[in-house]
């Protein structure tokens, strides 16, 4: 799952057994609170970063 909301997109995906890529272009900003127990599997600053992550995973 690729999403910008750590609580719903990433945590929900991980709870379902998947992996989540957090993109810092929407709701969740780069500076996250330390009390957040959700750690994304992947992180990207923008969609170009997501493409780079996908290339690493797929190729």
C-alpha atoms as a PDB file:
ATOM      1  CA  UNK A   1       0.000   0.000   0.000  1.00  0.00           C
ATOM      2  CA  UNK A   2       1.188   3.473  -0.806  1.00  0.00           C
ATOM      3  CA  UNK A   3      -0.339   6.204   1.297  1.00  0.00           C
ATOM      4  CA  UNK A   4       0.128   9.545   3.001  1.00  0.00           C
ATOM      5  CA  UNK A   5      -1.715   8.776   6.245  1.00  0.00           C
ATOM      6  CA  UNK A   6       0.309   6.717   8.696  1.00  0.00           C
ATOM      7  CA  UNK A   7      -2.671   5.882  10.897  1.00  0.00           C
ATOM      8  CA  UNK A   8      -5.081   4.621   8.276  1.00  0.00           C
ATOM      9  CA  UNK A   9      -3.000   3.690   5.224  1.00  0.00           C
ATOM     10  CA  UNK A  10       0.170   2.273   6.748  1.00  0.00           C
ATOM     11  CA  UNK A  11      -1.115   0.910  10.060  1.00  0.00           C
ATOM     12  CA  UNK A  12      -4.165  -0.618   8.392  1.00  0.00           C
ATOM     13  CA  UNK A  13      -2.038  -2.289   5.738  1.00  0.00           C
ATOM     14  CA  UNK A  14       0.398  -3.661   8.300  1.00  0.00           C
ATOM     15  CA  UNK A  15      -2.455  -4.943  10.477  1.00  0.00           C
ATOM     16  CA  UNK A  16      -3.725  -6.847   7.427  1.00  0.00           C
ATOM     17  CA  UNK A  17      -0.271  -8.412   6.902  1.00  0.00           C
ATOM     18  CA  UNK A  18       0.951  -6.125   4.129  1.00  0.00           C
ATOM     19  CA  UNK A  19       3.739  -3.616   3.764  1.00  0.00           C
ATOM     20  CA  UNK A  20       3.219   0.116   3.571  1.00  0.00           C
ATOM     21  CA  UNK A  21       5.090   2.931   1.861  1.00  0.00           C
ATOM     22  CA  UNK A  22       4.532   6.309   3.493  1.00  0.00           C
ATOM     23  CA  UNK A  23       4.709   9.325   1.184  1.00  0.00           C
ATOM     24  CA  UNK A  24       5.312  12.698   2.834  1.00  0.00           C
ATOM     25  CA  UNK A  25       3.155  14.700   0.429  1.00  0.00           C
ATOM     26  CA  UNK A  26      -0.146  14.701   2.253  1.00  0.00           C
ATOM     27  CA  UNK A  27      -1.448  14.303   5.780  1.00  0.00           C
ATOM     28  CA  UNK A  28       1.703  12.902   7.426  1.00  0.00           C
ATOM     29  CA  UNK A  29       4.636  15.273   7.402  1.00  0.00           C
ATOM     30  CA  UNK A  30       8.343  14.400   7.440  1.00  0.00           C
ATOM     31  CA  UNK A  31       8.742  15.248  11.113  1.00  0.00           C
ATOM     32  CA  UNK A  32       6.681  12.576  12.835  1.00  0.00           C
ATOM     33  CA  UNK A  33       5.966  12.378  16.530  1.00  0.00           C
ATOM     34  CA  UNK A  34       8.174   9.926  18.425  1.00  0.00           C
ATOM     35  CA  UNK A  35       5.197   8.428  20.240  1.00  0.00           C
ATOM     36  CA  UNK A  36       3.873   6.919  17.021  1.00  0.00           C
ATOM     37  CA  UNK A  37       4.258   3.153  17.234  1.00  0.00           C
ATOM     38  CA  UNK A  38       3.696   2.647  13.501  1.00  0.00           C
ATOM     39  CA  UNK A  39       6.916   2.391  11.516  1.00  0.00           C
ATOM     40  CA  UNK A  40       6.442   2.355   7.739  1.00  0.00           C
ATOM     41  CA  UNK A  41       8.210  -0.334   5.759  1.00  0.00           C
ATOM     42  CA  UNK A  42       9.253   2.268   3.200  1.00  0.00           C
ATOM     43  CA  UNK A  43       9.331   6.072   3.181  1.00  0.00           C
ATOM     44  CA  UNK A  44       9.448   8.545   0.301  1.00  0.00           C
ATOM     45  CA  UNK A  45       9.442  12.318   0.030  1.00  0.00           C
ATOM     46  CA  UNK A  46       7.364  12.294  -3.163  1.00  0.00           C
ATOM     47  CA  UNK A  47       6.008  10.031  -5.901  1.00  0.00           C
ATOM     48  CA  UNK A  48       9.369   9.893  -7.650  1.00  0.00           C
ATOM     49  CA  UNK A  49      10.722   8.350  -4.454  1.00  0.00           C
ATOM     50  CA  UNK A  50       7.908   5.798  -4.542  1.00  0.00           C
ATOM     51  CA  UNK A  51       8.875   4.839  -8.096  1.00  0.00           C
ATOM     52  CA  UNK A  52      12.443   4.304  -6.916  1.00  0.00           C
ATOM     53  CA  UNK A  53      11.234   2.062  -4.097  1.00  0.00           C
ATOM     54  CA  UNK A  54       9.079   0.044  -6.503  1.00  0.00           C
ATOM     55  CA  UNK A  55      12.010  -0.389  -8.892  1.00  0.00           C
ATOM     56  CA  UNK A  56      14.138  -1.746  -6.034  1.00  0.00           C
ATOM     57  CA  UNK A  57      11.418  -4.168  -4.991  1.00  0.00           C
ATOM     58  CA  UNK A  58      10.398  -5.364  -8.443  1.00  0.00           C
ATOM     59  CA  UNK A  59      13.671  -5.452 -10.368  1.00  0.00           C
END
